[in-house]
mmCIF file of all heavy atoms, coordinates in Angstrom:
data_MODEL
# 
_entry.id   MODEL 
# 
loop_
_atom_site.group_PDB 
_atom_site.id 
_atom_site.type_symbol 
_atom_site.label_atom_id 
_atom_site.label_alt_id 
_atom_site.label_comp_id 
_atom_site.label_asym_id 
_atom_site.label_entity_id 
_atom_site.label_seq_id 
_atom_site.pdbx_PDB_ins_code 
_atom_site.Cartn_x 
_atom_site.Cartn_y 
_atom_site.Cartn_z 
_atom_site.occupancy 
_atom_site.B_iso_or_equiv 
_atom_site.pdbx_formal_charge 
_atom_site.auth_seq_id 
_atom_site.auth_comp_id 
_atom_site.auth_asym_id 
_atom_site.auth_atom_id 
_atom_site.pdbx_PDB_model_num 
ATOM 1   N N   . ILE A 1 1  ? 80.056  118.814 108.493 1.00 0.00 ? 1  ILE A N   1 
ATOM 2   C CA  . ILE A 1 1  ? 80.896  119.872 109.049 1.00 0.00 ? 1  ILE A CA  1 
ATOM 3   C C   . ILE A 1 1  ? 80.006  121.056 109.414 1.00 0.00 ? 1  ILE A C   1 
ATOM 4   O O   . ILE A 1 1  ? 79.258  121.549 108.567 1.00 0.00 ? 1  ILE A O   1 
ATOM 5   C CB  . ILE A 1 1  ? 81.976  120.294 108.039 1.00 0.00 ? 1  ILE A CB  1 
ATOM 6   C CG1 . ILE A 1 1  ? 82.892  119.105 107.728 1.00 0.00 ? 1  ILE A CG1 1 
ATOM 7   C CG2 . ILE A 1 1  ? 82.791  121.478 108.558 1.00 0.00 ? 1  ILE A CG2 1 
ATOM 8   C CD1 . ILE A 1 1  ? 83.894  119.370 106.621 1.00 0.00 ? 1  ILE A CD1 1 
ATOM 9   N N   . PRO A 1 2  ? 80.057  121.538 110.652 1.00 0.00 ? 2  PRO A N   1 
ATOM 10  C CA  . PRO A 1 2  ? 79.196  122.659 111.061 1.00 0.00 ? 2  PRO A CA  1 
ATOM 11  C C   . PRO A 1 2  ? 79.487  123.914 110.252 1.00 0.00 ? 2  PRO A C   1 
ATOM 12  O O   . PRO A 1 2  ? 80.595  124.118 109.754 1.00 0.00 ? 2  PRO A O   1 
ATOM 13  C CB  . PRO A 1 2  ? 79.550  122.854 112.539 1.00 0.00 ? 2  PRO A CB  1 
ATOM 14  C CG  . PRO A 1 2  ? 80.188  121.578 112.967 1.00 0.00 ? 2  PRO A CG  1 
ATOM 15  C CD  . PRO A 1 2  ? 80.876  121.026 111.760 1.00 0.00 ? 2  PRO A CD  1 
ATOM 16  N N   . ALA A 1 3  ? 78.498  124.785 110.153 1.00 0.00 ? 3  ALA A N   1 
ATOM 17  C CA  . ALA A 1 3  ? 78.614  125.999 109.343 1.00 0.00 ? 3  ALA A CA  1 
ATOM 18  C C   . ALA A 1 3  ? 79.747  126.896 109.806 1.00 0.00 ? 3  ALA A C   1 
ATOM 19  O O   . ALA A 1 3  ? 80.370  127.594 109.000 1.00 0.00 ? 3  ALA A O   1 
ATOM 20  C CB  . ALA A 1 3  ? 77.290  126.768 109.368 1.00 0.00 ? 3  ALA A CB  1 
ATOM 21  N N   . GLU A 1 4  ? 80.037  126.896 111.114 1.00 0.00 ? 4  GLU A N   1 
ATOM 22  C CA  . GLU A 1 4  ? 81.080  127.797 111.601 1.00 0.00 ? 4  GLU A CA  1 
ATOM 23  C C   . GLU A 1 4  ? 82.492  127.287 111.317 1.00 0.00 ? 4  GLU A C   1 
ATOM 24  O O   . GLU A 1 4  ? 83.476  128.013 111.496 1.00 0.00 ? 4  GLU A O   1 
ATOM 25  C CB  . GLU A 1 4  ? 80.926  128.033 113.111 1.00 0.00 ? 4  GLU A CB  1 
ATOM 26  C CG  . GLU A 1 4  ? 81.239  126.845 113.988 1.00 0.00 ? 4  GLU A CG  1 
ATOM 27  C CD  . GLU A 1 4  ? 80.043  125.953 114.247 1.00 0.00 ? 4  GLU A CD  1 
ATOM 28  O OE1 . GLU A 1 4  ? 79.005  126.130 113.544 1.00 0.00 ? 4  GLU A OE1 1 
ATOM 29  O OE2 . GLU A 1 4  ? 80.121  125.094 115.140 1.00 0.00 ? 4  GLU A OE2 1 
ATOM 30  N N   . GLN A 1 5  ? 82.602  126.032 110.853 1.00 0.00 ? 5  GLN A N   1 
ATOM 31  C CA  . GLN A 1 5  ? 83.917  125.468 110.547 1.00 0.00 ? 5  GLN A CA  1 
ATOM 32  C C   . GLN A 1 5  ? 84.263  125.676 109.073 1.00 0.00 ? 5  GLN A C   1 
ATOM 33  O O   . GLN A 1 5  ? 83.448  125.393 108.191 1.00 0.00 ? 5  GLN A O   1 
ATOM 34  C CB  . GLN A 1 5  ? 83.949  123.987 110.883 1.00 0.00 ? 5  GLN A CB  1 
ATOM 35  C CG  . GLN A 1 5  ? 83.942  123.668 112.363 1.00 0.00 ? 5  GLN A CG  1 
ATOM 36  C CD  . GLN A 1 5  ? 85.264  123.968 113.034 1.00 0.00 ? 5  GLN A CD  1 
ATOM 37  O OE1 . GLN A 1 5  ? 86.339  123.696 112.488 1.00 0.00 ? 5  GLN A OE1 1 
ATOM 38  N NE2 . GLN A 1 5  ? 85.199  124.538 114.237 1.00 0.00 ? 5  GLN A NE2 1 
ATOM 39  N N   . MET A 1 6  ? 85.472  126.169 108.809 1.00 0.00 ? 6  MET A N   1 
ATOM 40  C CA  . MET A 1 6  ? 85.958  126.368 107.449 1.00 0.00 ? 6  MET A CA  1 
ATOM 41  C C   . MET A 1 6  ? 86.944  125.257 107.092 1.00 0.00 ? 6  MET A C   1 
ATOM 42  O O   . MET A 1 6  ? 87.833  124.927 107.880 1.00 0.00 ? 6  MET A O   1 
ATOM 43  C CB  . MET A 1 6  ? 86.662  127.729 107.346 1.00 0.00 ? 6  MET A CB  1 
ATOM 44  C CG  . MET A 1 6  ? 87.161  128.057 105.943 1.00 0.00 ? 6  MET A CG  1 
ATOM 45  S SD  . MET A 1 6  ? 88.119  129.609 105.887 1.00 0.00 ? 6  MET A SD  1 
ATOM 46  C CE  . MET A 1 6  ? 86.858  130.778 106.436 1.00 0.00 ? 6  MET A CE  1 
ATOM 47  N N   . VAL A 1 7  ? 86.778  124.663 105.912 1.00 0.00 ? 7  VAL A N   1 
ATOM 48  C CA  . VAL A 1 7  ? 87.711  123.639 105.446 1.00 0.00 ? 7  VAL A CA  1 
ATOM 49  C C   . VAL A 1 7  ? 89.017  124.315 105.039 1.00 0.00 ? 7  VAL A C   1 
ATOM 50  O O   . VAL A 1 7  ? 89.033  125.187 104.179 1.00 0.00 ? 7  VAL A O   1 
ATOM 51  C CB  . VAL A 1 7  ? 87.131  122.841 104.269 1.00 0.00 ? 7  VAL A CB  1 
ATOM 52  C CG1 . VAL A 1 7  ? 88.171  121.854 103.715 1.00 0.00 ? 7  VAL A CG1 1 
ATOM 53  C CG2 . VAL A 1 7  ? 85.873  122.096 104.702 1.00 0.00 ? 7  VAL A CG2 1 
ATOM 54  N N   . VAL A 1 8  ? 90.107  123.912 105.664 1.00 0.00 ? 8  VAL A N   1 
ATOM 55  C CA  . VAL A 1 8  ? 91.412  124.517 105.415 1.00 0.00 ? 8  VAL A CA  1 
ATOM 56  C C   . VAL A 1 8  ? 92.236  123.693 104.439 1.00 0.00 ? 8  VAL A C   1 
ATOM 57  O O   . VAL A 1 8  ? 92.815  124.209 103.486 1.00 0.00 ? 8  VAL A O   1 
ATOM 58  C CB  . VAL A 1 8  ? 92.188  124.704 106.733 1.00 0.00 ? 8  VAL A CB  1 
ATOM 59  C CG1 . VAL A 1 8  ? 93.595  125.236 106.475 1.00 0.00 ? 8  VAL A CG1 1 
ATOM 60  C CG2 . VAL A 1 8  ? 91.430  125.638 107.665 1.00 0.00 ? 8  VAL A CG2 1 
ATOM 61  N N   . CYS A 1 9  ? 92.314  122.380 104.647 1.00 0.00 ? 9  CYS A N   1 
ATOM 62  C CA  . CYS A 1 9  ? 93.146  121.534 103.788 1.00 0.00 ? 9  CYS A CA  1 
ATOM 63  C C   . CYS A 1 9  ? 92.853  120.075 104.060 1.00 0.00 ? 9  CYS A C   1 
ATOM 64  O O   . CYS A 1 9  ? 92.104  119.735 104.991 1.00 0.00 ? 9  CYS A O   1 
ATOM 65  C CB  . CYS A 1 9  ? 94.639  121.816 104.016 1.00 0.00 ? 9  CYS A CB  1 
ATOM 66  S SG  . CYS A 1 9  ? 95.245  121.294 105.647 1.00 0.00 ? 9  CYS A SG  1 
ATOM 67  N N   . GLY A 1 10 ? 93.459  119.218 103.277 1.00 0.00 ? 10 GLY A N   1 
ATOM 68  C CA  . GLY A 1 10 ? 93.486  117.789 103.540 1.00 0.00 ? 10 GLY A CA  1 
ATOM 69  C C   . GLY A 1 10 ? 94.920  117.380 103.804 1.00 0.00 ? 10 GLY A C   1 
ATOM 70  O O   . GLY A 1 10 ? 95.855  118.126 103.507 1.00 0.00 ? 10 GLY A O   1 
ATOM 71  N N   . ILE A 1 11 ? 95.098  116.200 104.379 1.00 0.00 ? 11 ILE A N   1 
ATOM 72  C CA  . ILE A 1 11 ? 96.427  115.612 104.556 1.00 0.00 ? 11 ILE A CA  1 
ATOM 73  C C   . ILE A 1 11 ? 96.320  114.128 104.245 1.00 0.00 ? 11 ILE A C   1 
ATOM 74  O O   . ILE A 1 11 ? 95.527  113.426 104.862 1.00 0.00 ? 11 ILE A O   1 
ATOM 75  C CB  . ILE A 1 11 ? 96.983  115.783 105.981 1.00 0.00 ? 11 ILE A CB  1 
ATOM 76  C CG1 . ILE A 1 11 ? 96.933  117.244 106.444 1.00 0.00 ? 11 ILE A CG1 1 
ATOM 77  C CG2 . ILE A 1 11 ? 98.423  115.252 106.065 1.00 0.00 ? 11 ILE A CG2 1 
ATOM 78  C CD1 . ILE A 1 11 ? 97.347  117.436 107.901 1.00 0.00 ? 11 ILE A CD1 1 
ATOM 79  N N   . SER A 1 12 ? 97.101  113.662 103.276 1.00 0.00 ? 12 SER A N   1 
ATOM 80  C CA  . SER A 1 12 ? 97.172  112.236 102.989 1.00 0.00 ? 12 SER A CA  1 
ATOM 81  C C   . SER A 1 12 ? 98.291  111.625 103.818 1.00 0.00 ? 12 SER A C   1 
ATOM 82  O O   . SER A 1 12 ? 99.375  112.213 103.930 1.00 0.00 ? 12 SER A O   1 
ATOM 83  C CB  . SER A 1 12 ? 97.445  112.001 101.505 1.00 0.00 ? 12 SER A CB  1 
ATOM 84  O OG  . SER A 1 12 ? 96.366  112.472 100.715 1.00 0.00 ? 12 SER A OG  1 
ATOM 85  N N   . ILE A 1 13 ? 98.043  110.448 104.390 1.00 0.00 ? 13 ILE A N   1 
ATOM 86  C CA  . ILE A 1 13 ? 99.032  109.788 105.239 1.00 0.00 ? 13 ILE A CA  1 
ATOM 87  C C   . ILE A 1 13 ? 99.096  108.305 104.880 1.00 0.00 ? 13 ILE A C   1 
ATOM 88  O O   . ILE A 1 13 ? 98.065  107.642 104.740 1.00 0.00 ? 13 ILE A O   1 
ATOM 89  C CB  . ILE A 1 13 ? 98.678  109.927 106.733 1.00 0.00 ? 13 ILE A CB  1 
ATOM 90  C CG1 . ILE A 1 13 ? 98.681  111.405 107.154 1.00 0.00 ? 13 ILE A CG1 1 
ATOM 91  C CG2 . ILE A 1 13 ? 99.652  109.137 107.612 1.00 0.00 ? 13 ILE A CG2 1 
ATOM 92  C CD1 . ILE A 1 13 ? 98.296  111.622 108.604 1.00 0.00 ? 13 ILE A CD1 1 
ATOM 93  N N   . GLY A 1 14 ? 100.314 107.800 104.751 1.00 0.00 ? 14 GLY A N   1 
ATOM 94  C CA  . GLY A 1 14 ? 100.489 106.386 104.474 1.00 0.00 ? 14 GLY A CA  1 
ATOM 95  C C   . GLY A 1 14 ? 101.953 106.046 104.291 1.00 0.00 ? 14 GLY A C   1 
ATOM 96  O O   . GLY A 1 14 ? 102.844 106.835 104.626 1.00 0.00 ? 14 GLY A O   1 
ATOM 97  N N   . HIS A 1 15 ? 102.195 104.873 103.744 1.00 0.00 ? 15 HIS A N   1 
ATOM 98  C CA  . HIS A 1 15 ? 103.556 104.421 103.446 1.00 0.00 ? 15 HIS A CA  1 
ATOM 99  C C   . HIS A 1 15 ? 103.917 104.880 102.030 1.00 0.00 ? 15 HIS A C   1 
ATOM 100 O O   . HIS A 1 15 ? 103.167 104.639 101.083 1.00 0.00 ? 15 HIS A O   1 
ATOM 101 C CB  . HIS A 1 15 ? 103.652 102.896 103.518 1.00 0.00 ? 15 HIS A CB  1 
ATOM 102 C CG  . HIS A 1 15 ? 103.358 102.343 104.881 1.00 0.00 ? 15 HIS A CG  1 
ATOM 103 N ND1 . HIS A 1 15 ? 104.332 102.070 105.807 1.00 0.00 ? 15 HIS A ND1 1 
ATOM 104 C CD2 . HIS A 1 15 ? 102.169 102.016 105.480 1.00 0.00 ? 15 HIS A CD2 1 
ATOM 105 C CE1 . HIS A 1 15 ? 103.774 101.600 106.911 1.00 0.00 ? 15 HIS A CE1 1 
ATOM 106 N NE2 . HIS A 1 15 ? 102.467 101.554 106.733 1.00 0.00 ? 15 HIS A NE2 1 
ATOM 107 N N   . ALA A 1 16 ? 105.053 105.546 101.897 1.00 0.00 ? 16 ALA A N   1 
ATOM 108 C CA  . ALA A 1 16 ? 105.484 106.007 100.587 1.00 0.00 ? 16 ALA A CA  1 
ATOM 109 C C   . ALA A 1 16 ? 105.907 104.835 99.719  1.00 0.00 ? 16 ALA A C   1 
ATOM 110 O O   . ALA A 1 16 ? 106.509 103.872 100.205 1.00 0.00 ? 16 ALA A O   1 
ATOM 111 C CB  . ALA A 1 16 ? 106.644 106.986 100.721 1.00 0.00 ? 16 ALA A CB  1 
ATOM 112 N N   . ASN A 1 17 ? 105.566 104.900 98.435  1.00 0.00 ? 17 ASN A N   1 
ATOM 113 C CA  . ASN A 1 17 ? 106.124 103.953 97.482  1.00 0.00 ? 17 ASN A CA  1 
ATOM 114 C C   . ASN A 1 17 ? 107.638 104.122 97.443  1.00 0.00 ? 17 ASN A C   1 
ATOM 115 O O   . ASN A 1 17 ? 108.168 105.212 97.648  1.00 0.00 ? 17 ASN A O   1 
ATOM 116 C CB  . ASN A 1 17 ? 105.556 104.191 96.079  1.00 0.00 ? 17 ASN A CB  1 
ATOM 117 C CG  . ASN A 1 17 ? 104.229 103.486 95.885  1.00 0.00 ? 17 ASN A CG  1 
ATOM 118 O OD1 . ASN A 1 17 ? 103.867 102.590 96.633  1.00 0.00 ? 17 ASN A OD1 1 
ATOM 119 N ND2 . ASN A 1 17 ? 103.482 103.905 94.869  1.00 0.00 ? 17 ASN A ND2 1 
ATOM 120 N N   . ASN A 1 18 ? 108.343 103.050 97.136  1.00 0.00 ? 18 ASN A N   1 
ATOM 121 C CA  . ASN A 1 18 ? 109.803 103.117 97.103  1.00 0.00 ? 18 ASN A CA  1 
ATOM 122 C C   . ASN A 1 18 ? 110.308 104.176 96.147  1.00 0.00 ? 18 ASN A C   1 
ATOM 123 O O   . ASN A 1 18 ? 111.363 104.774 96.365  1.00 0.00 ? 18 ASN A O   1 
ATOM 124 C CB  . ASN A 1 18 ? 110.389 101.757 96.721  1.00 0.00 ? 18 ASN A CB  1 
ATOM 125 C CG  . ASN A 1 18 ? 110.179 100.712 97.811  1.00 0.00 ? 18 ASN A CG  1 
ATOM 126 O OD1 . ASN A 1 18 ? 110.051 101.063 98.980  1.00 0.00 ? 18 ASN A OD1 1 
ATOM 127 N ND2 . ASN A 1 18 ? 110.141 99.455  97.428  1.00 0.00 ? 18 ASN A ND2 1 
ATOM 128 N N   . ALA A 1 19 ? 109.564 104.427 95.067  1.00 0.00 ? 19 ALA A N   1 
ATOM 129 C CA  . ALA A 1 19 ? 110.004 105.388 94.061  1.00 0.00 ? 19 ALA A CA  1 
ATOM 130 C C   . ALA A 1 19 ? 109.753 106.830 94.477  1.00 0.00 ? 19 ALA A C   1 
ATOM 131 O O   . ALA A 1 19 ? 110.133 107.752 93.770  1.00 0.00 ? 19 ALA A O   1 
ATOM 132 C CB  . ALA A 1 19 ? 109.305 105.109 92.729  1.00 0.00 ? 19 ALA A CB  1 
ATOM 133 N N   . ALA A 1 20 ? 109.124 107.034 95.632  1.00 0.00 ? 20 ALA A N   1 
ATOM 134 C CA  . ALA A 1 20 ? 108.750 108.394 96.045  1.00 0.00 ? 20 ALA A CA  1 
ATOM 135 C C   . ALA A 1 20 ? 109.315 108.716 97.418  1.00 0.00 ? 20 ALA A C   1 
ATOM 136 O O   . ALA A 1 20 ? 108.614 109.111 98.324  1.00 0.00 ? 20 ALA A O   1 
ATOM 137 C CB  . ALA A 1 20 ? 107.239 108.521 96.064  1.00 0.00 ? 20 ALA A CB  1 
ATOM 138 N N   . THR A 1 21 ? 110.615 108.512 97.578  1.00 0.00 ? 21 THR A N   1 
ATOM 139 C CA  . THR A 1 21 ? 111.224 108.671 98.894  1.00 0.00 ? 21 THR A CA  1 
ATOM 140 C C   . THR A 1 21 ? 112.295 109.752 98.909  1.00 0.00 ? 21 THR A C   1 
ATOM 141 O O   . THR A 1 21 ? 113.259 109.655 99.650  1.00 0.00 ? 21 THR A O   1 
ATOM 142 C CB  . THR A 1 21 ? 111.837 107.338 99.353  1.00 0.00 ? 21 THR A CB  1 
ATOM 143 O OG1 . THR A 1 21 ? 112.770 106.883 98.359  1.00 0.00 ? 21 THR A OG1 1 
ATOM 144 C CG2 . THR A 1 21 ? 110.766 106.294 99.561  1.00 0.00 ? 21 THR A CG2 1 
ATOM 145 N N   . ARG A 1 22 ? 112.149 110.768 98.092  1.00 0.00 ? 22 ARG A N   1 
ATOM 146 C CA  . ARG A 1 22 ? 113.141 111.842 98.121  1.00 0.00 ? 22 ARG A CA  1 
ATOM 147 C C   . ARG A 1 22 ? 112.452 113.186 97.974  1.00 0.00 ? 22 ARG A C   1 
ATOM 148 O O   . ARG A 1 22 ? 111.363 113.294 97.420  1.00 0.00 ? 22 ARG A O   1 
ATOM 149 C CB  . ARG A 1 22 ? 114.178 111.670 96.992  1.00 0.00 ? 22 ARG A CB  1 
ATOM 150 C CG  . ARG A 1 22 ? 113.586 111.795 95.598  1.00 0.00 ? 22 ARG A CG  1 
ATOM 151 C CD  . ARG A 1 22 ? 114.627 111.534 94.529  1.00 0.00 ? 22 ARG A CD  1 
ATOM 152 N NE  . ARG A 1 22 ? 114.074 111.689 93.187  1.00 0.00 ? 22 ARG A NE  1 
ATOM 153 C CZ  . ARG A 1 22 ? 114.041 112.840 92.528  1.00 0.00 ? 22 ARG A CZ  1 
ATOM 154 N NH1 . ARG A 1 22 ? 114.527 113.935 93.081  1.00 0.00 ? 22 ARG A NH1 1 
ATOM 155 N NH2 . ARG A 1 22 ? 113.527 112.903 91.306  1.00 0.00 ? 22 ARG A NH2 1 
ATOM 156 N N   . ARG A 1 23 ? 113.127 114.209 98.491  1.00 0.00 ? 23 ARG A N   1 
ATOM 157 C CA  . ARG A 1 23 ? 112.613 115.568 98.387  1.00 0.00 ? 23 ARG A CA  1 
ATOM 158 C C   . ARG A 1 23 ? 112.958 116.123 97.016  1.00 0.00 ? 23 ARG A C   1 
ATOM 159 O O   . ARG A 1 23 ? 114.104 116.052 96.565  1.00 0.00 ? 23 ARG A O   1 
ATOM 160 C CB  . ARG A 1 23 ? 113.220 116.446 99.477  1.00 0.00 ? 23 ARG A CB  1 
ATOM 161 C CG  . ARG A 1 23 ? 112.697 117.878 99.475  1.00 0.00 ? 23 ARG A CG  1 
ATOM 162 C CD  . ARG A 1 23 ? 113.488 118.753 100.434 1.00 0.00 ? 23 ARG A CD  1 
ATOM 163 N NE  . ARG A 1 23 ? 113.399 118.289 101.798 1.00 0.00 ? 23 ARG A NE  1 
ATOM 164 C CZ  . ARG A 1 23 ? 112.379 118.547 102.598 1.00 0.00 ? 23 ARG A CZ  1 
ATOM 165 N NH1 . ARG A 1 23 ? 111.347 119.259 102.161 1.00 0.00 ? 23 ARG A NH1 1 
ATOM 166 N NH2 . ARG A 1 23 ? 112.363 118.103 103.831 1.00 0.00 ? 23 ARG A NH2 1 
ATOM 167 N N   . LEU A 1 24 ? 111.977 116.688 96.347  1.00 0.00 ? 24 LEU A N   1 
ATOM 168 C CA  . LEU A 1 24 ? 112.185 117.241 95.013  1.00 0.00 ? 24 LEU A CA  1 
ATOM 169 C C   . LEU A 1 24 ? 112.499 118.727 95.063  1.00 0.00 ? 24 LEU A C   1 
ATOM 170 O O   . LEU A 1 24 ? 113.292 119.225 94.268  1.00 0.00 ? 24 LEU A O   1 
ATOM 171 C CB  . LEU A 1 24 ? 110.934 117.006 94.159  1.00 0.00 ? 24 LEU A CB  1 
ATOM 172 C CG  . LEU A 1 24 ? 110.943 117.540 92.733  1.00 0.00 ? 24 LEU A CG  1 
ATOM 173 C CD1 . LEU A 1 24 ? 112.030 116.850 91.896  1.00 0.00 ? 24 LEU A CD1 1 
ATOM 174 C CD2 . LEU A 1 24 ? 109.581 117.339 92.079  1.00 0.00 ? 24 LEU A CD2 1 
ATOM 175 N N   . MET A 1 25 ? 111.894 119.440 95.991  1.00 0.00 ? 25 MET A N   1 
ATOM 176 C CA  . MET A 1 25 ? 111.990 120.891 95.995  1.00 0.00 ? 25 MET A CA  1 
ATOM 177 C C   . MET A 1 25 ? 113.174 121.394 96.815  1.00 0.00 ? 25 MET A C   1 
ATOM 178 O O   . MET A 1 25 ? 113.393 120.945 97.942  1.00 0.00 ? 25 MET A O   1 
ATOM 179 C CB  . MET A 1 25 ? 110.701 121.506 96.548  1.00 0.00 ? 25 MET A CB  1 
ATOM 180 C CG  . MET A 1 25 ? 109.483 121.187 95.707  1.00 0.00 ? 25 MET A CG  1 
ATOM 181 S SD  . MET A 1 25 ? 109.659 121.814 94.020  1.00 0.00 ? 25 MET A SD  1 
ATOM 182 C CE  . MET A 1 25 ? 108.513 120.737 93.162  1.00 0.00 ? 25 MET A CE  1 
ATOM 183 N N   . PRO A 1 26 ? 113.943 122.332 96.265  1.00 0.00 ? 26 PRO A N   1 
ATOM 184 C CA  . PRO A 1 26 ? 115.072 122.903 97.015  1.00 0.00 ? 26 PRO A CA  1 
ATOM 185 C C   . PRO A 1 26 ? 114.570 123.875 98.069  1.00 0.00 ? 26 PRO A C   1 
ATOM 186 O O   . PRO A 1 26 ? 113.428 124.335 98.030  1.00 0.00 ? 26 PRO A O   1 
ATOM 187 C CB  . PRO A 1 26 ? 115.868 123.638 95.931  1.00 0.00 ? 26 PRO A CB  1 
ATOM 188 C CG  . PRO A 1 26 ? 114.832 124.030 94.917  1.00 0.00 ? 26 PRO A CG  1 
ATOM 189 C CD  . PRO A 1 26 ? 113.812 122.908 94.918  1.00 0.00 ? 26 PRO A CD  1 
ATOM 190 N N   . ARG A 1 27 ? 115.431 124.188 99.015  1.00 0.00 ? 27 ARG A N   1 
ATOM 191 C CA  . ARG A 1 27 ? 115.117 125.174 100.034 1.00 0.00 ? 27 ARG A CA  1 
ATOM 192 C C   . ARG A 1 27 ? 116.168 126.282 100.011 1.00 0.00 ? 27 ARG A C   1 
ATOM 193 O O   . ARG A 1 27 ? 117.345 126.030 99.731  1.00 0.00 ? 27 ARG A O   1 
ATOM 194 C CB  . ARG A 1 27 ? 115.102 124.526 101.432 1.00 0.00 ? 27 ARG A CB  1 
ATOM 195 C CG  . ARG A 1 27 ? 113.940 123.563 101.650 1.00 0.00 ? 27 ARG A CG  1 
ATOM 196 C CD  . ARG A 1 27 ? 112.596 124.307 101.627 1.00 0.00 ? 27 ARG A CD  1 
ATOM 197 N NE  . ARG A 1 27 ? 111.498 123.491 102.101 1.00 0.00 ? 27 ARG A NE  1 
ATOM 198 C CZ  . ARG A 1 27 ? 110.719 122.759 101.328 1.00 0.00 ? 27 ARG A CZ  1 
ATOM 199 N NH1 . ARG A 1 27 ? 110.938 122.721 100.028 1.00 0.00 ? 27 ARG A NH1 1 
ATOM 200 N NH2 . ARG A 1 27 ? 109.733 122.058 101.847 1.00 0.00 ? 27 ARG A NH2 1 
# 
């Protein structure tokens, strides 16, 4: 990664396990 670039975050992407298919946090 070049010096002028700042690491902001990561993002994991894939198929959710069946047990992890609901939103936990309220809005």
